[in-house]
Amino acid sequence: VGAALRAAGFSPSAENLRRALQAAAGPGSTPTAEDMVAALEAADKVVVNNPGAQAPVSQLGPGGLPASPSPEQVVWALRQAAGPGAGIPPPEVIGVALRKAGASPLTAESVVRALREAGIAAPTARDIQAAIAAAASGQLPADMV
């Protein structure tokens, strides 16, 4: 969906991705955080042969976020994009979102802040490690895709 939006010349903003994913899945559907991350990744890989086209999503900052957003801003945008009822995103999704949005510096403290903002009140060492590993690779683990 993200690649199709980008190839068609539309901005792959969080709102556009959410709407496109909902349209693709059918009435009453709610895109998951994983769907949003996958769509953003696909949009970022598309090369548009249009001199007036926008820069890749990773350079723009998804959802209209500032160039170097806070961890809390990233999680807020992720939750807005996922929509109500999407639940708490897994630590891996939060890590990829931090990376894709350009949140920096990416430290254990900033990851803990993001995890808490997402609703994980007491992040475990495993939560923190999973988020940092996903942020370092920029990809979700194979078992989550």
N, C-alpha and C. Protein backbone atom coordinates (compact mmCIF):
# COMPACT_ATOMS: atom_id res chain seq x y z
N VAL A 1 0.83 -1.19 0.00
CA VAL A 1 0.00 0.00 0.00
C VAL A 1 0.87 1.25 0.00
N GLY A 2 1.92 1.25 0.84
CA GLY A 2 2.82 2.40 0.90
C GLY A 2 3.50 2.66 -0.42
N ALA A 3 3.96 1.59 -1.06
CA ALA A 3 4.63 1.72 -2.35
C ALA A 3 3.67 2.26 -3.41
N ALA A 4 2.43 1.78 -3.39
CA ALA A 4 1.44 2.24 -4.36
C ALA A 4 1.14 3.73 -4.17
N LEU A 5 0.99 4.16 -2.92
CA LEU A 5 0.75 5.58 -2.66
C LEU A 5 1.89 6.43 -3.21
N ARG A 6 3.10 6.03 -2.88
CA ARG A 6 4.27 6.79 -3.30
C ARG A 6 4.40 6.82 -4.82
N ALA A 7 4.21 5.65 -5.45
CA ALA A 7 4.32 5.57 -6.91
C ALA A 7 3.26 6.41 -7.61
N ALA A 8 2.12 6.55 -6.96
CA ALA A 8 1.03 7.36 -7.52
C ALA A 8 1.24 8.85 -7.27
N GLY A 9 2.30 9.19 -6.53
CA GLY A 9 2.61 10.59 -6.29
C GLY A 9 2.01 11.17 -5.03
N PHE A 10 1.38 10.32 -4.21
CA PHE A 10 0.80 10.80 -2.96
C PHE A 10 1.85 10.76 -1.86
N SER A 11 1.73 11.70 -0.93
CA SER A 11 2.61 11.72 0.23
C SER A 11 2.26 10.54 1.12
N PRO A 12 3.25 9.74 1.52
CA PRO A 12 2.96 8.62 2.40
C PRO A 12 2.91 9.06 3.88
N SER A 13 2.07 10.02 4.15
CA SER A 13 1.90 10.49 5.54
C SER A 13 1.18 9.41 6.33
N ALA A 14 1.25 9.52 7.63
CA ALA A 14 0.58 8.54 8.49
C ALA A 14 -0.92 8.48 8.18
N GLU A 15 -1.53 9.63 7.98
CA GLU A 15 -2.97 9.65 7.69
C GLU A 15 -3.28 9.00 6.34
N ASN A 16 -2.49 9.31 5.30
CA ASN A 16 -2.71 8.69 3.99
C ASN A 16 -2.51 7.18 4.05
N LEU A 17 -1.48 6.74 4.78
CA LEU A 17 -1.24 5.30 4.91
C LEU A 17 -2.38 4.62 5.65
N ARG A 18 -2.84 5.25 6.73
CA ARG A 18 -3.95 4.66 7.50
C ARG A 18 -5.19 4.50 6.63
N ARG A 19 -5.52 5.55 5.90
CA ARG A 19 -6.70 5.50 5.03
C ARG A 19 -6.56 4.44 3.94
N ALA A 20 -5.38 4.38 3.34
CA ALA A 20 -5.16 3.40 2.27
C ALA A 20 -5.22 1.97 2.81
N LEU A 21 -4.63 1.74 3.98
CA LEU A 21 -4.68 0.41 4.57
C LEU A 21 -6.11 0.02 4.93
N GLN A 22 -6.88 0.98 5.44
CA GLN A 22 -8.28 0.71 5.76
C GLN A 22 -9.07 0.38 4.50
N ALA A 23 -8.83 1.14 3.44
CA ALA A 23 -9.53 0.89 2.19
C ALA A 23 -9.17 -0.48 1.62
N ALA A 24 -7.91 -0.86 1.72
CA ALA A 24 -7.47 -2.14 1.19
C ALA A 24 -8.03 -3.32 1.99
N ALA A 25 -8.18 -3.14 3.30
CA ALA A 25 -8.65 -4.24 4.16
C ALA A 25 -10.17 -4.33 4.22
N GLY A 26 -10.85 -3.29 3.85
CA GLY A 26 -12.31 -3.32 3.86
C GLY A 26 -12.92 -2.50 4.98
N PRO A 27 -14.22 -2.28 4.90
CA PRO A 27 -14.93 -1.45 5.88
C PRO A 27 -14.76 -1.99 7.31
N GLY A 28 -14.59 -1.06 8.24
CA GLY A 28 -14.50 -1.41 9.64
C GLY A 28 -13.14 -1.93 10.08
N SER A 29 -12.18 -1.99 9.17
CA SER A 29 -10.85 -2.51 9.54
C SER A 29 -10.02 -1.41 10.20
N THR A 30 -9.08 -1.83 11.01
CA THR A 30 -8.16 -0.91 11.67
C THR A 30 -6.75 -1.41 11.42
N PRO A 31 -5.90 -0.63 10.74
CA PRO A 31 -4.54 -1.08 10.50
C PRO A 31 -3.77 -1.23 11.81
N THR A 32 -2.95 -2.25 11.88
CA THR A 32 -2.11 -2.46 13.06
C THR A 32 -0.85 -1.61 12.94
N ALA A 33 -0.15 -1.48 14.04
CA ALA A 33 1.12 -0.75 14.03
C ALA A 33 2.10 -1.43 13.07
N GLU A 34 2.07 -2.76 13.03
CA GLU A 34 2.95 -3.50 12.13
C GLU A 34 2.63 -3.17 10.67
N ASP A 35 1.33 -3.08 10.34
CA ASP A 35 0.91 -2.71 8.99
C ASP A 35 1.44 -1.33 8.62
N MET A 36 1.36 -0.41 9.57
CA MET A 36 1.82 0.96 9.31
C MET A 36 3.32 1.00 9.06
N VAL A 37 4.08 0.28 9.87
CA VAL A 37 5.54 0.25 9.70
C VAL A 37 5.89 -0.38 8.36
N ALA A 38 5.24 -1.49 8.02
CA ALA A 38 5.51 -2.16 6.74
C ALA A 38 5.18 -1.24 5.57
N ALA A 39 4.08 -0.52 5.65
CA ALA A 39 3.69 0.39 4.57
C ALA A 39 4.69 1.54 4.45
N LEU A 40 5.16 2.07 5.59
CA LEU A 40 6.17 3.13 5.55
C LEU A 40 7.46 2.64 4.92
N GLU A 41 7.87 1.42 5.28
CA GLU A 41 9.09 0.85 4.71
C GLU A 41 8.95 0.67 3.21
N ALA A 42 7.81 0.19 2.77
CA ALA A 42 7.59 0.00 1.33
C ALA A 42 7.59 1.33 0.60
N ALA A 43 6.96 2.34 1.20
CA ALA A 43 6.93 3.66 0.57
C ALA A 43 8.32 4.25 0.45
N ASP A 44 9.14 4.01 1.44
CA ASP A 44 10.49 4.57 1.47
C ASP A 44 11.39 3.96 0.40
N LYS A 45 11.06 2.75 -0.06
CA LYS A 45 11.89 2.06 -1.05
C LYS A 45 11.56 2.43 -2.49
N VAL A 46 10.44 3.10 -2.69
CA VAL A 46 10.00 3.43 -4.06
C VAL A 46 10.76 4.63 -4.58
N VAL A 47 11.29 4.47 -5.78
CA VAL A 47 11.95 5.58 -6.46
C VAL A 47 10.95 6.14 -7.45
N VAL A 48 10.63 7.39 -7.29
CA VAL A 48 9.64 8.03 -8.16
C VAL A 48 10.38 8.82 -9.23
N ASN A 49 10.09 8.53 -10.49
CA ASN A 49 10.72 9.24 -11.59
C ASN A 49 9.97 10.53 -11.89
N ASN A 50 10.00 11.40 -10.92
CA ASN A 50 9.30 12.67 -11.02
C ASN A 50 10.18 13.70 -10.33
N PRO A 51 10.74 14.67 -11.08
CA PRO A 51 11.63 15.63 -10.45
C PRO A 51 11.00 16.42 -9.31
N GLY A 52 9.69 16.56 -9.30
CA GLY A 52 9.02 17.32 -8.25
C GLY A 52 8.60 16.46 -7.08
N ALA A 53 8.93 15.18 -7.11
CA ALA A 53 8.50 14.27 -6.05
C ALA A 53 9.19 14.59 -4.74
N GLN A 54 8.54 14.23 -3.67
CA GLN A 54 9.09 14.47 -2.35
C GLN A 54 10.24 13.53 -2.06
N ALA A 55 11.03 13.90 -1.08
CA ALA A 55 12.13 13.06 -0.62
C ALA A 55 11.56 11.80 0.02
N PRO A 56 12.39 10.75 0.19
CA PRO A 56 11.90 9.54 0.86
C PRO A 56 11.35 9.84 2.24
N VAL A 57 10.44 8.99 2.68
CA VAL A 57 9.78 9.18 3.97
C VAL A 57 10.80 9.33 5.09
N SER A 58 11.88 8.55 5.05
CA SER A 58 12.86 8.60 6.13
C SER A 58 13.51 9.97 6.24
N GLN A 59 13.52 10.73 5.16
CA GLN A 59 14.08 12.08 5.22
C GLN A 59 13.04 13.11 5.65
N LEU A 60 11.78 12.84 5.34
CA LEU A 60 10.72 13.79 5.69
C LEU A 60 10.29 13.68 7.14
N GLY A 61 10.34 12.49 7.68
CA GLY A 61 9.76 12.26 9.00
C GLY A 61 8.29 11.94 8.83
N PRO A 62 7.89 10.70 9.13
CA PRO A 62 6.51 10.31 8.91
C PRO A 62 5.54 11.08 9.80
N GLY A 63 4.36 11.26 9.29
CA GLY A 63 3.31 11.90 10.07
C GLY A 63 3.54 13.36 10.36
N GLY A 64 4.46 14.01 9.60
CA GLY A 64 4.71 15.42 9.83
C GLY A 64 5.48 15.70 11.10
N LEU A 65 6.21 14.73 11.60
CA LEU A 65 7.02 14.94 12.81
C LEU A 65 8.20 15.85 12.52
N PRO A 66 8.75 16.49 13.54
CA PRO A 66 9.95 17.30 13.34
C PRO A 66 11.11 16.42 12.89
N ALA A 67 12.16 17.04 12.39
CA ALA A 67 13.31 16.29 11.86
C ALA A 67 13.92 15.37 12.90
N SER A 68 13.96 15.75 14.15
CA SER A 68 14.50 14.90 15.21
C SER A 68 13.49 14.86 16.35
N PRO A 69 12.44 14.05 16.19
CA PRO A 69 11.36 14.05 17.17
C PRO A 69 11.76 13.38 18.48
N SER A 70 11.06 13.71 19.53
CA SER A 70 11.27 13.06 20.82
C SER A 70 10.66 11.65 20.75
N PRO A 71 11.09 10.76 21.64
CA PRO A 71 10.48 9.43 21.68
C PRO A 71 8.97 9.49 21.88
N GLU A 72 8.53 10.41 22.71
CA GLU A 72 7.10 10.55 22.97
C GLU A 72 6.35 10.98 21.71
N GLN A 73 6.93 11.89 20.93
CA GLN A 73 6.29 12.32 19.68
C GLN A 73 6.16 11.17 18.69
N VAL A 74 7.18 10.34 18.63
CA VAL A 74 7.15 9.20 17.71
C VAL A 74 6.04 8.23 18.10
N VAL A 75 5.96 7.91 19.37
CA VAL A 75 4.92 6.98 19.83
C VAL A 75 3.54 7.58 19.64
N TRP A 76 3.40 8.86 19.89
CA TRP A 76 2.11 9.52 19.67
C TRP A 76 1.70 9.38 18.20
N ALA A 77 2.62 9.67 17.27
CA ALA A 77 2.30 9.56 15.84
C ALA A 77 1.98 8.12 15.46
N LEU A 78 2.71 7.17 16.03
CA LEU A 78 2.45 5.76 15.75
C LEU A 78 1.06 5.36 16.22
N ARG A 79 0.68 5.79 17.40
CA ARG A 79 -0.64 5.44 17.94
C ARG A 79 -1.75 6.14 17.16
N GLN A 80 -1.50 7.38 16.74
CA GLN A 80 -2.49 8.09 15.93
C GLN A 80 -2.70 7.36 14.61
N ALA A 81 -1.61 6.92 14.01
CA ALA A 81 -1.69 6.22 12.73
C ALA A 81 -2.41 4.88 12.87
N ALA A 82 -2.16 4.18 13.97
CA ALA A 82 -2.77 2.87 14.18
C ALA A 82 -4.26 2.99 14.49
N GLY A 83 -4.66 4.09 15.10
CA GLY A 83 -6.06 4.31 15.39
C GLY A 83 -6.48 3.76 16.74
N PRO A 84 -7.68 4.12 17.16
CA PRO A 84 -8.16 3.68 18.47
C PRO A 84 -8.34 2.17 18.51
N GLY A 85 -8.08 1.60 19.65
CA GLY A 85 -8.27 0.16 19.81
C GLY A 85 -7.13 -0.69 19.29
N ALA A 86 -6.06 -0.07 18.83
CA ALA A 86 -4.95 -0.85 18.28
C ALA A 86 -4.13 -1.52 19.36
N GLY A 87 -4.27 -1.08 20.59
CA GLY A 87 -3.54 -1.69 21.68
C GLY A 87 -2.13 -1.13 21.81
N ILE A 88 -1.35 -1.78 22.65
CA ILE A 88 0.03 -1.36 22.90
C ILE A 88 0.93 -1.96 21.84
N PRO A 89 1.68 -1.14 21.12
CA PRO A 89 2.57 -1.70 20.10
C PRO A 89 3.70 -2.48 20.74
N PRO A 90 4.14 -3.56 20.10
CA PRO A 90 5.27 -4.34 20.63
C PRO A 90 6.55 -3.50 20.66
N PRO A 91 7.48 -3.81 21.54
CA PRO A 91 8.73 -3.06 21.62
C PRO A 91 9.47 -2.99 20.27
N GLU A 92 9.40 -4.06 19.49
CA GLU A 92 10.08 -4.07 18.19
C GLU A 92 9.50 -3.00 17.26
N VAL A 93 8.19 -2.85 17.28
CA VAL A 93 7.54 -1.84 16.43
C VAL A 93 7.95 -0.44 16.89
N ILE A 94 8.03 -0.25 18.19
CA ILE A 94 8.45 1.05 18.72
C ILE A 94 9.89 1.34 18.30
N GLY A 95 10.76 0.34 18.37
CA GLY A 95 12.14 0.54 17.96
C GLY A 95 12.27 0.92 16.50
N VAL A 96 11.55 0.22 15.62
CA VAL A 96 11.59 0.55 14.19
C VAL A 96 11.02 1.95 13.95
N ALA A 97 9.95 2.28 14.65
CA ALA A 97 9.35 3.61 14.49
C ALA A 97 10.33 4.70 14.91
N LEU A 98 11.04 4.47 16.02
CA LEU A 98 12.04 5.46 16.45
C LEU A 98 13.10 5.65 15.37
N ARG A 99 13.56 4.56 14.80
CA ARG A 99 14.59 4.62 13.75
C ARG A 99 14.07 5.33 12.50
N LYS A 100 12.89 4.92 12.03
CA LYS A 100 12.32 5.49 10.80
C LYS A 100 12.01 6.98 10.96
N ALA A 101 11.63 7.39 12.17
CA ALA A 101 11.28 8.80 12.40
C ALA A 101 12.51 9.66 12.64
N GLY A 102 13.66 9.02 12.83
CA GLY A 102 14.89 9.80 13.05
C GLY A 102 15.04 10.32 14.46
N ALA A 103 14.41 9.66 15.42
CA ALA A 103 14.55 10.08 16.82
C ALA A 103 16.00 9.85 17.25
N SER A 104 16.59 10.86 17.83
CA SER A 104 17.97 10.69 18.30
C SER A 104 18.21 11.60 19.49
N PRO A 105 19.13 11.30 20.35
CA PRO A 105 19.95 10.10 20.27
C PRO A 105 19.14 8.88 20.69
N LEU A 106 19.48 7.74 20.12
CA LEU A 106 18.80 6.51 20.45
C LEU A 106 19.57 5.83 21.58
N THR A 107 19.10 6.04 22.78
CA THR A 107 19.75 5.50 23.97
C THR A 107 18.76 4.61 24.71
N ALA A 108 19.26 3.87 25.70
CA ALA A 108 18.36 3.05 26.51
C ALA A 108 17.32 3.95 27.19
N GLU A 109 17.74 5.13 27.64
CA GLU A 109 16.82 6.05 28.30
C GLU A 109 15.72 6.52 27.34
N SER A 110 16.07 6.83 26.09
CA SER A 110 15.05 7.29 25.15
C SER A 110 14.11 6.15 24.76
N VAL A 111 14.63 4.93 24.69
CA VAL A 111 13.79 3.78 24.40
C VAL A 111 12.82 3.53 25.55
N VAL A 112 13.29 3.64 26.77
CA VAL A 112 12.41 3.47 27.95
C VAL A 112 11.31 4.52 27.91
N ARG A 113 11.66 5.75 27.59
CA ARG A 113 10.64 6.81 27.50
C ARG A 113 9.59 6.45 26.46
N ALA A 114 10.02 5.94 25.30
CA ALA A 114 9.08 5.57 24.24
C ALA A 114 8.20 4.40 24.69
N LEU A 115 8.80 3.40 25.31
CA LEU A 115 8.03 2.25 25.78
C LEU A 115 6.99 2.67 26.81
N ARG A 116 7.36 3.55 27.71
CA ARG A 116 6.40 4.04 28.71
C ARG A 116 5.28 4.83 28.06
N GLU A 117 5.64 5.66 27.11
CA GLU A 117 4.63 6.45 26.38
C GLU A 117 3.65 5.52 25.66
N ALA A 118 4.14 4.38 25.20
CA ALA A 118 3.30 3.43 24.48
C ALA A 118 2.36 2.66 25.41
N GLY A 119 2.62 2.74 26.72
CA GLY A 119 1.75 2.06 27.65
C GLY A 119 2.40 0.90 28.40
N ILE A 120 3.69 0.70 28.19
CA ILE A 120 4.41 -0.33 28.93
C ILE A 120 4.98 0.37 30.17
N ALA A 121 4.24 0.30 31.26
CA ALA A 121 4.57 1.07 32.46
C ALA A 121 5.93 0.73 33.05
N ALA A 122 6.29 -0.54 33.04
CA ALA A 122 7.56 -0.98 33.62
C ALA A 122 8.29 -1.84 32.60
N PRO A 123 8.97 -1.22 31.61
CA PRO A 123 9.65 -2.00 30.57
C PRO A 123 10.70 -2.93 31.18
N THR A 124 10.72 -4.16 30.70
CA THR A 124 11.71 -5.14 31.15
C THR A 124 12.98 -4.99 30.32
N ALA A 125 14.03 -5.65 30.76
CA ALA A 125 15.28 -5.64 30.01
C ALA A 125 15.05 -6.22 28.62
N ARG A 126 14.21 -7.25 28.52
CA ARG A 126 13.90 -7.85 27.22
C ARG A 126 13.19 -6.85 26.30
N ASP A 127 12.23 -6.07 26.86
CA ASP A 127 11.54 -5.05 26.08
C ASP A 127 12.53 -4.03 25.52
N ILE A 128 13.41 -3.57 26.38
CA ILE A 128 14.39 -2.55 25.97
C ILE A 128 15.34 -3.11 24.92
N GLN A 129 15.83 -4.33 25.13
CA GLN A 129 16.74 -4.94 24.17
C GLN A 129 16.05 -5.18 22.83
N ALA A 130 14.80 -5.62 22.84
CA ALA A 130 14.07 -5.87 21.61
C ALA A 130 13.87 -4.57 20.82
N ALA A 131 13.52 -3.50 21.52
CA ALA A 131 13.31 -2.21 20.85
C ALA A 131 14.62 -1.68 20.27
N ILE A 132 15.71 -1.79 21.04
CA ILE A 132 17.01 -1.30 20.56
C ILE A 132 17.49 -2.13 19.36
N ALA A 133 17.32 -3.45 19.42
CA ALA A 133 17.74 -4.30 18.30
C ALA A 133 16.95 -3.96 17.03
N ALA A 134 15.65 -3.75 17.16
CA ALA A 134 14.83 -3.40 16.00
C ALA A 134 15.20 -2.02 15.47
N ALA A 135 15.50 -1.09 16.38
CA ALA A 135 15.91 0.24 15.94
C ALA A 135 17.25 0.18 15.22
N ALA A 136 18.17 -0.65 15.72
CA ALA A 136 19.49 -0.77 15.10
C ALA A 136 19.39 -1.34 13.69
N SER A 137 18.53 -2.34 13.50
CA SER A 137 18.40 -2.95 12.18
C SER A 137 17.45 -2.18 11.28
N GLY A 138 16.50 -1.47 11.88
CA GLY A 138 15.52 -0.74 11.10
C GLY A 138 14.44 -1.65 10.54
N GLN A 139 14.40 -2.91 11.00
CA GLN A 139 13.44 -3.88 10.47
C GLN A 139 12.82 -4.67 11.61
N LEU A 140 11.60 -5.13 11.38
CA LEU A 140 10.94 -6.00 12.34
C LEU A 140 11.55 -7.39 12.23
N PRO A 141 11.57 -8.14 13.31
CA PRO A 141 12.02 -9.53 13.22
C PRO A 141 11.17 -10.31 12.22
N ALA A 142 11.77 -11.31 11.61
CA ALA A 142 11.08 -12.09 10.57
C ALA A 142 9.77 -12.70 11.08
N ASP A 143 9.72 -13.10 12.35
CA ASP A 143 8.50 -13.71 12.86
C ASP A 143 7.36 -12.71 13.08
N MET A 144 7.64 -11.42 12.90
CA MET A 144 6.60 -10.40 13.06
C MET A 144 6.08 -9.87 11.73
N VAL A 145 6.72 -10.23 10.66
CA VAL A 145 6.35 -9.68 9.35
C VAL A 145 5.33 -10.55 8.68
